[in-house]
Protein backbone atom coordinates (compact mmCIF):
# COMPACT_ATOMS: atom_id res chain seq x y z
CA MET A 1 16.05 -17.09 -34.18
CA LYS A 2 16.01 -19.84 -31.48
CA VAL A 3 14.25 -23.32 -32.29
CA PRO A 4 13.80 -25.65 -29.27
CA LEU A 5 15.86 -28.79 -29.38
CA THR A 6 13.78 -31.84 -28.65
CA VAL A 7 14.11 -35.64 -29.10
CA ARG A 8 11.63 -35.40 -32.03
CA ASP A 9 14.43 -33.82 -34.09
CA HIS A 10 16.25 -37.10 -34.35
CA ILE A 11 13.29 -39.07 -35.48
CA ASP A 12 11.96 -36.30 -37.83
CA ARG A 13 15.30 -36.08 -39.64
CA ALA A 14 15.35 -39.78 -40.23
CA LEU A 15 11.81 -39.83 -41.54
CA VAL A 16 13.00 -37.19 -44.17
CA VAL A 17 16.42 -38.78 -45.12
CA TYR A 18 16.14 -42.42 -44.45
CA PRO A 19 12.48 -43.41 -44.40
CA ASP A 20 12.99 -47.11 -45.94
CA ARG A 21 16.29 -47.81 -44.10
CA VAL A 22 16.03 -50.16 -41.27
CA ALA A 23 16.22 -48.38 -37.94
CA PHE A 24 16.55 -51.24 -35.74
CA VAL A 25 16.51 -55.13 -35.66
CA ASP A 26 14.83 -56.50 -32.66
CA GLU A 27 16.04 -59.22 -30.52
CA PRO A 28 14.62 -62.34 -32.06
CA ASP A 29 14.96 -64.60 -28.74
CA GLN A 30 12.82 -62.92 -26.25
CA PRO A 31 9.31 -63.86 -24.32
CA ALA A 32 7.39 -60.86 -26.00
CA PRO A 33 6.97 -61.24 -29.81
CA SER A 34 9.78 -59.81 -31.67
CA MET A 35 9.27 -56.73 -33.85
CA GLY A 36 11.77 -57.95 -36.45
CA GLU A 37 13.33 -55.34 -38.62
CA VAL A 38 11.83 -51.98 -38.25
CA THR A 39 12.40 -49.01 -40.72
CA PHE A 40 12.52 -45.49 -39.72
CA SER A 41 9.12 -44.97 -41.35
CA ARG A 42 7.70 -47.69 -39.05
CA LEU A 43 9.52 -46.30 -36.02
CA GLY A 44 8.09 -42.77 -36.78
CA GLU A 45 4.46 -44.28 -37.06
CA LEU A 46 5.00 -46.35 -34.06
CA SER A 47 6.10 -43.13 -32.27
CA ASP A 48 3.15 -41.33 -33.23
CA VAL A 49 0.46 -44.14 -32.42
CA THR A 50 2.13 -44.46 -28.90
CA GLY A 51 1.47 -40.81 -28.32
CA ALA A 52 -2.15 -41.37 -29.40
CA GLY A 53 -2.27 -44.43 -27.06
CA LEU A 54 -1.24 -42.31 -24.09
CA ASP A 55 -3.90 -39.49 -25.07
CA ALA A 56 -6.51 -42.56 -25.03
CA LEU A 57 -5.36 -43.47 -21.54
CA GLY A 58 -5.68 -40.09 -20.24
CA VAL A 59 -1.84 -39.57 -19.62
CA PRO A 60 -1.32 -35.85 -19.31
CA MET A 61 1.45 -33.75 -20.87
CA GLY A 62 4.41 -34.25 -18.37
CA GLY A 63 2.85 -37.56 -17.21
CA ARG A 64 5.32 -40.45 -16.48
CA VAL A 65 5.58 -43.61 -18.15
CA ALA A 66 7.93 -46.17 -16.53
CA MET A 67 9.12 -49.45 -18.12
CA VAL A 68 11.11 -52.12 -16.63
CA SER A 69 12.78 -54.38 -19.22
CA HIS A 70 15.75 -55.92 -20.80
CA ASN A 71 16.89 -54.50 -24.01
CA ALA A 72 13.96 -54.47 -26.61
CA GLY A 73 12.60 -52.82 -29.58
CA ARG A 74 9.55 -51.62 -27.62
CA LEU A 75 11.91 -49.81 -25.04
CA LEU A 76 13.91 -48.18 -27.86
CA THR A 77 10.58 -46.84 -29.59
CA CYS A 78 9.33 -45.33 -26.23
CA PHE A 79 12.52 -42.92 -26.34
CA TRP A 80 10.40 -41.04 -29.05
CA GLY A 81 6.83 -42.46 -28.54
CA VAL A 82 6.80 -41.26 -24.91
CA SER A 83 9.21 -38.27 -24.71
CA GLY A 84 8.53 -37.25 -28.39
CA ASN A 85 4.99 -36.81 -27.35
CA GLY A 86 5.26 -34.53 -24.37
CA ARG A 87 5.62 -37.11 -21.54
CA ILE A 88 8.29 -38.41 -19.41
CA PHE A 89 9.89 -41.68 -20.04
CA VAL A 90 11.20 -43.54 -17.00
CA PRO A 91 13.32 -46.55 -18.00
CA VAL A 92 14.04 -48.64 -14.90
CA ASN A 93 16.77 -51.03 -14.18
CA PHE A 94 15.51 -54.67 -14.66
CA ARG A 95 17.90 -56.04 -12.08
CA LEU A 96 16.27 -54.15 -9.28
CA SER A 97 14.20 -56.11 -6.49
CA LEU A 98 10.43 -55.71 -6.15
CA ASP A 99 10.77 -53.30 -3.42
CA GLU A 100 13.17 -50.88 -5.31
CA VAL A 101 11.03 -50.95 -8.49
CA SER A 102 8.00 -50.24 -6.51
CA TYR A 103 9.78 -47.21 -4.74
CA ILE A 104 10.55 -45.92 -8.17
CA VAL A 105 7.10 -46.20 -9.63
CA ASP A 106 5.72 -44.56 -6.67
CA HIS A 107 8.44 -41.88 -6.43
CA CYS A 108 8.07 -40.81 -9.79
CA GLY A 109 4.18 -40.90 -9.75
CA ALA A 110 4.12 -43.00 -12.86
CA ASP A 111 0.76 -43.07 -14.89
CA VAL A 112 1.73 -46.13 -16.81
CA LEU A 113 4.00 -49.24 -15.80
CA LEU A 114 5.31 -51.36 -18.76
CA VAL A 115 6.84 -54.66 -17.71
CA ASP A 116 9.06 -57.38 -19.41
CA PRO A 117 7.04 -60.70 -19.56
CA GLU A 118 10.14 -62.24 -17.89
CA LEU A 119 9.55 -59.95 -14.95
CA ALA A 120 5.73 -60.01 -15.01
CA ASP A 121 5.25 -62.50 -11.87
CA THR A 122 8.06 -60.99 -9.76
CA LEU A 123 6.64 -57.33 -10.28
CA ASP A 124 2.97 -58.41 -9.99
CA PRO A 125 2.34 -56.76 -6.56
CA ILE A 126 3.23 -53.47 -7.96
CA ARG A 127 0.16 -51.29 -8.54
CA CYS A 128 -0.05 -48.53 -11.14
CA ARG A 129 -2.96 -46.57 -12.85
CA HIS A 130 -2.24 -48.62 -15.93
CA LYS A 131 -0.17 -51.57 -15.89
CA PHE A 132 0.68 -53.63 -19.10
CA VAL A 133 3.02 -56.42 -19.94
CA LEU A 134 4.99 -55.85 -22.86
CA GLY A 135 4.10 -57.61 -25.99
CA ALA A 136 0.47 -58.17 -27.14
CA GLU A 137 -1.17 -56.45 -24.06
CA SER A 138 1.07 -53.30 -24.25
CA ASP A 139 0.69 -53.22 -28.04
CA GLU A 140 -3.17 -53.19 -27.88
CA ALA A 141 -3.08 -50.55 -25.37
CA LEU A 142 -0.50 -48.13 -26.85
CA PHE A 143 -0.44 -48.47 -30.39
CA ARG A 144 -3.47 -46.65 -31.68
CA PHE A 145 -3.20 -47.12 -35.51
CA GLY A 146 -4.95 -44.54 -37.56
CA GLU A 147 -5.26 -41.95 -34.68
CA ALA A 148 -3.01 -38.80 -34.58
CA PRO A 149 -1.50 -37.81 -31.18
CA GLN A 150 -2.54 -34.72 -29.40
CA PRO A 151 -0.33 -31.84 -30.71
CA TRP A 152 2.52 -31.07 -28.33
CA GLU A 153 4.24 -27.65 -28.00
CA PRO A 154 7.95 -28.46 -27.99
CA ASP A 155 9.83 -27.06 -24.92
CA GLU A 156 13.65 -27.88 -24.78
CA ASP A 157 13.74 -27.19 -21.12
CA GLU A 158 10.93 -29.70 -20.24
CA THR A 159 12.11 -32.97 -18.71
CA ALA A 160 12.26 -35.68 -21.27
CA VAL A 161 13.31 -38.66 -19.10
CA ILE A 162 13.93 -39.47 -15.42
CA ASN A 163 16.87 -41.99 -14.81
CA TYR A 164 16.99 -43.55 -11.25
CA THR A 165 20.61 -43.97 -10.08
CA SER A 166 22.09 -45.45 -6.96
CA GLY A 167 24.33 -43.04 -5.29
CA THR A 168 25.22 -42.22 -1.61
CA THR A 169 21.64 -42.53 -0.27
CA ALA A 170 19.76 -45.68 0.53
CA ARG A 171 17.20 -44.81 -1.98
CA PRO A 172 17.82 -44.10 -5.69
CA LYS A 173 17.59 -40.71 -6.95
CA GLY A 174 15.76 -39.78 -10.21
CA VAL A 175 17.98 -37.72 -12.47
CA GLN A 176 15.87 -35.32 -14.56
CA GLN A 177 17.15 -34.91 -18.02
CA THR A 178 15.61 -32.08 -20.48
CA HIS A 179 15.19 -32.40 -24.07
CA ARG A 180 18.11 -29.83 -24.48
CA SER A 181 20.44 -31.95 -22.38
CA LEU A 182 19.75 -35.09 -24.23
CA TRP A 183 19.91 -33.30 -27.61
CA LEU A 184 23.37 -31.79 -26.89
CA ASN A 185 24.83 -35.00 -25.29
CA ALA A 186 23.88 -36.92 -28.30
CA ALA A 187 25.33 -34.26 -30.52
CA MET A 188 28.68 -34.20 -28.69
CA PHE A 189 28.93 -37.83 -28.13
CA GLY A 190 27.86 -38.69 -31.69
CA TRP A 191 30.34 -36.24 -33.08
CA GLN A 192 33.22 -37.52 -31.16
CA ALA A 193 32.70 -41.01 -31.62
CA SER A 194 32.08 -40.38 -35.44
CA VAL A 195 28.59 -41.74 -35.78
CA SER A 196 27.45 -41.69 -39.23
CA ASP A 197 24.83 -43.24 -41.56
CA ARG A 198 27.35 -45.95 -42.28
CA ASP A 199 27.42 -47.38 -38.72
CA THR A 200 25.49 -50.43 -37.40
CA TYR A 201 25.23 -50.34 -33.57
CA LEU A 202 24.87 -53.37 -31.25
CA HIS A 203 23.09 -52.63 -27.97
CA THR A 204 25.32 -54.51 -25.47
CA LEU A 205 24.75 -51.60 -22.95
CA PRO A 206 21.50 -51.78 -21.35
CA MET A 207 18.97 -49.12 -22.68
CA PHE A 208 17.88 -48.36 -19.22
CA HIS A 209 21.35 -47.24 -18.23
CA CYS A 210 21.36 -43.47 -18.76
CA ASN A 211 19.02 -44.03 -22.03
CA GLY A 212 21.83 -46.13 -23.45
CA TRP A 213 24.12 -43.34 -22.53
CA GLY A 214 22.19 -41.25 -24.96
CA MET A 215 23.63 -43.09 -28.04
CA PRO A 216 20.08 -44.05 -29.59
CA TYR A 217 19.33 -40.45 -30.17
CA ALA A 218 22.59 -39.85 -32.14
CA LEU A 219 22.19 -42.98 -34.00
CA VAL A 220 18.64 -42.26 -35.20
CA GLY A 221 19.38 -38.63 -35.87
CA MET A 222 22.17 -40.06 -38.42
CA GLY A 223 20.26 -42.82 -39.86
CA ALA A 224 22.28 -45.55 -38.19
CA GLU A 225 20.99 -49.08 -38.12
CA GLN A 226 20.72 -50.52 -34.51
CA VAL A 227 20.84 -54.10 -33.46
CA VAL A 228 18.95 -55.04 -30.05
CA LEU A 229 20.83 -57.59 -28.04
CA ARG A 230 18.57 -58.65 -24.80
CA LYS A 231 21.39 -60.35 -22.69
CA VAL A 232 25.06 -59.94 -22.69
CA ASP A 233 27.08 -62.86 -23.84
CA GLY A 234 30.57 -62.62 -25.21
CA ALA A 235 30.33 -65.40 -27.86
CA GLU A 236 26.90 -64.03 -29.03
CA ILE A 237 28.25 -60.61 -29.23
CA LEU A 238 30.86 -61.74 -31.79
CA ARG A 239 28.22 -63.78 -33.75
CA ARG A 240 26.04 -60.57 -33.99
CA VAL A 241 29.20 -58.46 -34.92
CA ASP A 242 29.80 -61.07 -37.65
CA ALA A 243 26.16 -61.50 -38.78
CA HIS A 244 25.31 -57.78 -38.82
CA GLY A 245 28.51 -56.16 -39.78
CA ILE A 246 28.58 -54.14 -36.42
CA THR A 247 30.84 -51.23 -36.35
CA LEU A 248 29.93 -49.62 -33.05
CA MET A 249 28.92 -50.61 -29.32
CA CYS A 250 29.21 -49.38 -25.80
CA GLY A 251 29.57 -51.15 -22.66
CA ALA A 252 31.32 -51.50 -19.19
CA PRO A 253 34.92 -53.13 -18.65
CA ALA A 254 33.03 -56.46 -17.87
CA VAL A 255 31.43 -56.53 -21.46
CA ALA A 256 34.77 -56.14 -22.90
CA ALA A 257 36.17 -58.74 -20.82
CA ALA A 258 33.53 -61.26 -21.91
CA ILE A 259 34.16 -60.41 -25.56
CA LEU A 260 37.81 -61.08 -25.06
CA ASP A 261 37.15 -64.52 -23.38
CA ALA A 262 34.94 -65.43 -26.26
CA ALA A 263 37.39 -64.36 -28.73
CA SER A 264 39.95 -66.75 -27.14
CA GLN A 265 37.76 -69.66 -28.28
CA TRP A 266 36.65 -68.30 -31.54
CA HIS A 267 37.40 -70.22 -34.76
CA GLY A 268 38.68 -68.08 -37.52
CA PRO A 269 39.28 -64.46 -38.14
CA ILE A 270 37.96 -62.16 -35.07
CA PRO A 271 34.63 -60.60 -36.61
CA GLY A 272 34.78 -56.77 -36.79
CA ALA A 273 38.72 -56.59 -37.01
CA GLY A 274 39.81 -53.18 -38.36
CA ARG A 275 36.37 -51.98 -38.51
CA THR A 276 34.59 -52.11 -35.02
CA ARG A 277 35.06 -49.66 -32.17
CA ILE A 278 34.01 -50.15 -28.61
CA VAL A 279 33.20 -47.30 -26.22
CA VAL A 280 34.08 -48.20 -22.65
CA ALA A 281 32.89 -46.39 -19.52
CA GLY A 282 31.35 -47.21 -16.02
CA ALA A 283 34.78 -47.76 -14.40
CA PRO A 284 38.38 -47.41 -15.66
CA PRO A 285 39.32 -50.73 -17.47
CA PRO A 286 42.70 -52.37 -16.83
CA THR A 287 45.44 -51.10 -19.21
CA ARG A 288 45.98 -54.80 -20.24
CA THR A 289 42.43 -55.09 -21.17
CA ILE A 290 42.58 -51.90 -23.52
CA GLU A 291 45.77 -53.46 -25.15
CA ARG A 292 44.06 -56.69 -25.92
CA ILE A 293 41.11 -55.14 -27.58
CA GLU A 294 43.50 -53.43 -30.07
CA THR A 295 45.93 -56.47 -30.62
CA GLU A 296 43.56 -59.58 -30.12
CA LEU A 297 40.39 -58.06 -31.59
CA GLY A 298 41.81 -55.42 -33.61
CA TRP A 299 39.07 -52.97 -32.67
CA GLU A 300 39.45 -49.44 -31.77
CA PHE A 301 39.13 -48.74 -27.97
CA ILE A 302 37.39 -45.38 -26.97
CA HIS A 303 37.44 -44.43 -23.26
CA ILE A 304 34.74 -42.00 -21.79
CA TYR A 305 33.84 -40.82 -18.53
CA GLY A 306 30.51 -39.42 -17.11
CA LEU A 307 27.70 -39.92 -14.96
CA THR A 308 23.83 -40.45 -15.26
CA GLU A 309 23.67 -36.68 -14.09
CA THR A 310 25.69 -35.51 -16.88
CA ALA A 311 23.75 -37.71 -19.53
CA PRO A 312 26.73 -38.84 -19.38
CA LEU A 313 29.42 -37.44 -21.64
CA LEU A 314 32.04 -35.52 -19.74
CA THR A 315 35.42 -36.61 -21.03
CA MET A 316 36.73 -38.75 -24.04
CA ASN A 317 39.79 -40.54 -24.78
CA ARG A 318 40.38 -41.68 -28.20
CA ARG A 319 43.45 -42.87 -30.28
CA ARG A 320 45.15 -39.82 -31.51
CA ALA A 321 47.39 -39.45 -34.66
CA GLU A 322 50.36 -38.49 -32.48
CA TRP A 323 50.09 -42.00 -30.71
CA ASP A 324 50.37 -44.02 -33.92
CA ASP A 325 54.07 -44.95 -33.36
CA LEU A 326 53.64 -45.90 -29.70
CA SER A 327 53.73 -49.57 -28.80
CA PRO A 328 50.30 -51.24 -28.15
CA ALA A 329 51.13 -51.32 -24.47
CA GLU A 330 52.17 -47.61 -24.32
CA ARG A 331 49.04 -46.38 -26.29
CA ALA A 332 46.93 -48.62 -23.92
CA ARG A 333 48.46 -46.66 -21.03
CA MET A 334 47.71 -43.25 -22.59
CA LEU A 335 44.02 -44.63 -23.50
CA SER A 336 43.44 -45.68 -19.79
CA ARG A 337 42.95 -42.19 -18.70
CA GLN A 338 39.56 -40.91 -18.58
CA GLY A 339 40.26 -38.18 -21.13
CA ALA A 340 39.89 -34.59 -22.00
CA PRO A 341 36.76 -32.59 -21.60
CA ALA A 342 34.31 -32.97 -24.46
CA LEU A 343 33.39 -30.11 -26.45
CA GLY A 344 31.42 -27.49 -24.50
CA VAL A 345 32.36 -29.10 -21.18
CA ARG A 346 34.18 -27.21 -18.45
CA MET A 347 35.98 -29.21 -15.65
CA GLN A 348 38.18 -28.40 -12.72
CA ALA A 349 39.42 -30.11 -9.51
CA ASP A 350 38.64 -28.40 -6.20
CA ALA A 351 40.99 -28.25 -3.21
CA SER A 352 40.18 -31.88 -2.01
CA GLY A 353 40.96 -33.19 -5.60
CA GLU A 354 37.21 -33.85 -6.43
CA PHE A 355 36.34 -33.14 -10.19
CA LEU A 356 33.81 -30.59 -10.87
CA ALA A 357 31.84 -30.09 -14.05
CA ARG A 358 29.63 -27.66 -15.83
CA CYS A 359 28.15 -28.19 -19.30
CA ASN A 360 24.58 -28.04 -21.17
CA HIS A 361 23.78 -31.57 -20.16
CA VAL A 362 24.22 -31.68 -16.45
CA LEU A 363 21.08 -32.75 -14.84
CA GLU A 364 18.17 -30.43 -14.36
CA GLY A 365 17.74 -31.56 -10.80
CA TYR A 366 16.92 -34.79 -8.82
CA TRP A 367 12.90 -35.51 -9.13
CA GLU A 368 11.29 -34.16 -6.00
CA GLN A 369 14.68 -33.88 -4.02
CA PRO A 370 15.59 -30.35 -3.99
CA GLU A 371 17.98 -30.85 -1.02
CA ALA A 372 20.06 -33.59 -2.91
CA THR A 373 19.99 -31.21 -5.97
CA ALA A 374 21.45 -28.38 -4.02
CA GLU A 375 24.23 -30.59 -2.48
CA ALA A 376 25.21 -31.82 -5.98
CA ILE A 377 25.21 -28.52 -7.89
CA VAL A 378 26.92 -25.77 -6.03
CA ASP A 379 27.71 -22.25 -7.31
CA GLY A 380 26.99 -23.61 -10.93
CA TRP A 381 29.44 -26.67 -10.55
CA PHE A 382 28.21 -30.23 -10.60
CA HIS A 383 30.09 -32.27 -7.99
CA THR A 384 30.84 -35.66 -9.60
CA GLY A 385 32.05 -37.58 -6.36
CA ASP A 386 35.27 -38.60 -8.32
CA GLY A 387 38.70 -37.49 -7.67
CA GLY A 388 42.11 -37.66 -9.17
CA TYR A 389 44.47 -35.53 -11.22
CA VAL A 390 44.95 -33.78 -14.52
CA ASP A 391 48.00 -34.63 -16.57
CA ASP A 392 50.14 -31.43 -16.89
CA GLU A 393 51.29 -32.59 -20.33
CA ASP A 394 48.08 -32.69 -22.27
CA GLY A 395 45.28 -31.88 -19.93
CA TYR A 396 43.72 -35.35 -19.62
CA TYR A 397 41.88 -36.43 -16.68
CA MET A 398 42.78 -39.55 -14.42
CA ILE A 399 40.54 -40.86 -11.83
CA THR A 400 42.19 -42.28 -8.92
CA ASP A 401 39.70 -42.21 -5.93
CA ARG A 402 35.98 -41.74 -5.19
CA LYS A 403 34.92 -39.01 -2.79
CA LYS A 404 31.44 -40.39 -2.56
CA ASP A 405 30.28 -43.50 -0.96
CA VAL A 406 29.78 -45.48 -4.22
CA ILE A 407 31.03 -48.75 -5.38
CA ILE A 408 30.96 -49.48 -9.22
CA SER A 409 30.64 -53.27 -9.96
CA GLY A 410 30.36 -54.33 -13.68
CA GLY A 411 29.47 -50.71 -14.73
CA GLU A 412 26.52 -50.33 -12.04
CA ASN A 413 26.40 -47.97 -9.14
CA VAL A 414 25.85 -49.65 -5.87
CA SER A 415 25.27 -47.39 -2.76
CA SER A 416 27.25 -48.70 0.29
CA ILE A 417 24.57 -47.08 2.46
CA GLU A 418 21.74 -49.05 0.99
CA VAL A 419 23.68 -52.47 1.30
CA GLU A 420 24.52 -51.56 4.88
CA ASP A 421 20.66 -50.97 5.54
CA ALA A 422 19.96 -54.41 4.25
CA LEU A 423 22.58 -55.92 6.56
CA PHE A 424 21.46 -53.98 9.59
CA SER A 425 17.90 -55.31 9.18
CA HIS A 426 19.46 -58.73 10.36
CA PRO A 427 18.91 -59.16 13.93
CA ALA A 428 22.53 -60.65 14.67
CA VAL A 429 24.25 -57.49 12.96
CA ALA A 430 25.45 -54.86 15.68
CA GLU A 431 27.91 -52.85 13.14
CA VAL A 432 28.61 -53.01 9.52
CA ALA A 433 30.88 -51.24 6.85
CA VAL A 434 30.31 -51.90 3.11
CA ILE A 435 33.39 -51.19 0.99
CA GLY A 436 34.40 -51.82 -2.64
CA VAL A 437 37.37 -54.11 -3.04
CA PRO A 438 39.30 -54.89 -6.54
CA HIS A 439 37.98 -57.63 -8.63
CA GLU A 440 39.42 -58.88 -11.89
CA LYS A 441 36.13 -59.47 -13.75
CA TRP A 442 33.83 -56.66 -12.29
CA GLY A 443 36.44 -54.17 -11.50
CA GLU A 444 35.06 -53.79 -8.05
CA THR A 445 32.96 -55.85 -5.91
CA VAL A 446 30.90 -55.41 -2.60
CA LYS A 447 32.58 -56.43 0.79
CA ALA A 448 30.79 -56.23 4.17
CA LEU A 449 32.80 -56.05 7.26
CA VAL A 450 30.55 -56.97 9.97
CA VAL A 451 30.41 -56.92 13.86
CA LEU A 452 27.85 -59.28 15.50
CA ALA A 453 25.72 -58.29 18.44
CA PRO A 454 26.84 -59.90 21.62
CA GLY A 455 25.37 -63.52 22.04
CA SER A 456 24.23 -63.60 18.28
CA SER A 457 25.49 -65.80 15.34
CA ALA A 458 25.34 -65.54 11.66
CA THR A 459 27.36 -67.08 8.98
CA PRO A 460 28.60 -64.93 5.86
CA GLU A 461 26.48 -67.10 3.79
CA GLU A 462 23.37 -66.26 5.78
CA LEU A 463 24.04 -62.45 5.70
CA ILE A 464 24.52 -62.71 1.89
CA ALA A 465 21.35 -64.64 1.38
CA HIS A 466 19.49 -62.15 3.75
CA CYS A 467 20.56 -59.19 1.39
CA ARG A 468 19.45 -61.02 -1.83
CA ASP A 469 15.91 -61.33 -0.23
CA ARG A 470 15.75 -57.47 -0.02
CA ILE A 471 17.99 -55.74 -2.65
CA ALA A 472 19.16 -56.38 -6.29
CA HIS A 473 21.47 -59.23 -6.49
CA TYR A 474 24.34 -57.28 -8.11
CA LYS A 475 24.30 -54.78 -4.96
CA CYS A 476 24.82 -57.82 -2.52
CA PRO A 477 28.11 -58.58 -0.96
CA THR A 478 30.13 -61.21 -2.62
CA SER A 479 32.15 -61.73 0.59
CA VAL A 480 31.58 -60.91 4.20
CA GLU A 481 34.41 -60.53 6.76
CA MET A 482 33.52 -60.75 10.59
CA ARG A 483 35.32 -58.48 12.91
CA ASP A 484 35.61 -58.06 16.49
CA GLU A 485 35.13 -54.17 15.93
CA LEU A 486 35.39 -51.57 13.41
CA ALA A 487 37.72 -48.79 14.00
CA ARG A 488 36.43 -45.28 14.38
CA THR A 489 37.30 -41.76 15.02
CA ALA A 490 36.97 -40.10 18.45
CA THR A 491 33.65 -38.79 17.51
CA GLY A 492 32.54 -42.26 16.41
CA LYS A 493 32.85 -41.92 12.82
CA LEU A 494 33.75 -44.59 10.37
CA GLN A 495 36.75 -43.76 8.07
CA LYS A 496 36.09 -46.07 5.17
CA PHE A 497 39.13 -45.13 3.31
CA LYS A 498 41.11 -46.70 6.08
CA LEU A 499 38.98 -49.77 6.04
CA ARG A 500 39.51 -50.03 2.23
CA ALA A 501 43.14 -49.40 2.22
CA PRO A 502 44.64 -52.97 2.90
CA TYR A 503 42.57 -54.15 -0.14
CA TRP A 504 44.03 -51.76 -2.26
CA GLU A 505 47.53 -51.37 -1.27
CA SER A 506 48.94 -53.22 -4.27
CA MET A 507 47.01 -50.86 -6.66
CA THR A 508 48.42 -47.67 -8.11
CA LYS A 509 44.76 -46.12 -7.72
CA ALA A 510 41.92 -46.83 -5.41
CA VAL A 511 39.44 -47.44 -8.33
CA ASN A 512 39.51 -50.40 -10.56
């Protein structure tokens, strides 16, 4: 017997086992009316009436519903209201510029665009067949109470979400994840992170980012309560941990750093000590950060590695019984590695040192980009673009370099080519190379090496401002260095690894 695996399974189980339990607590401080405490029974109802609303709008099965929003209960609801009713959900990075969001809406062919009230004015020029501001306007359009949604014949191989990611190209690529891949990622992630109905989860990770890394599916399936946090703030995270009894959260190293900074000013016992675990990914965190999480916060540190293209879980590194007698510093060193492949994941390094992976939650493909898909998946193996080595002692993977031209700053991918395109649009710029350099807070930050055209002039500040008018601010250079020339090969090709080398020479690896 084969029963299709779909995201409906998670909410269906919760409705049977935990109907009266609180599914999530919405952010109280937001421009749209807060949804407050929402039970699993209510979440199931909202999912159904959203399906009915999409029917009424004439959105076909397989139609795309895009949403640009900070973390919010309405965004969380759409993981089931949209995908659980046969449509494709497209959560979009709220930090992107007007041009970038417009491209994504057009590229995915969205039938519906839902916009956070805080972003409504900025994104007003974008046109879509149906466009609503989140809150009373979207509720009236989508929540058709008393109406049953059109029946949907589940197919685990249908695309459930499209997540747009910055990569090696100037334009983002739409990662298609099927119901099956989301289901299996949630199962493996939830199992290996020990998710249970005794957990209370805090959304410190943006929900748009790889569907909150897929954790919401596992949490709903196991009946765990979720607490929505709209914007990351270290002190507020500690307050929520204290107020809600938080046991689990996910985030980039910058989030962990913000919590540690706030903890140094906290009066009284640190909330969550001996109870809370934090899952960190996006970039390898400093070993000292890992040690401080254990010693200063008293929290468990869990390290994972993956990509949007892998839904994301590829490897996990979690404290083992064999490491209990190690010193905190030595244990932190062991945990700084990306970890061992998760259950069902196969990995290997090719001749160049690039990590390759195959598993049940590798992307179906890049939306309407078959050439990019063929380049990423070769002979049944997904090329991660990350390189390093495998520890001979225990088979744990360690990332030391990036083969692709991607910078990861604060957990967000930045395409160096996209930043270079923005700089090249300035008339004074003749040549440019964008590289990632180490940064204590963000892991890596964007640096531009610029050669000006003869007779032209421009200051670093002007060039940074030029970029900020064109691309998301987090992608813009934090520094610009003027050069007389950029060293090239005999064929005229830039060798960025040589340009990066002086900034990384004091580091043991070329990622931070």
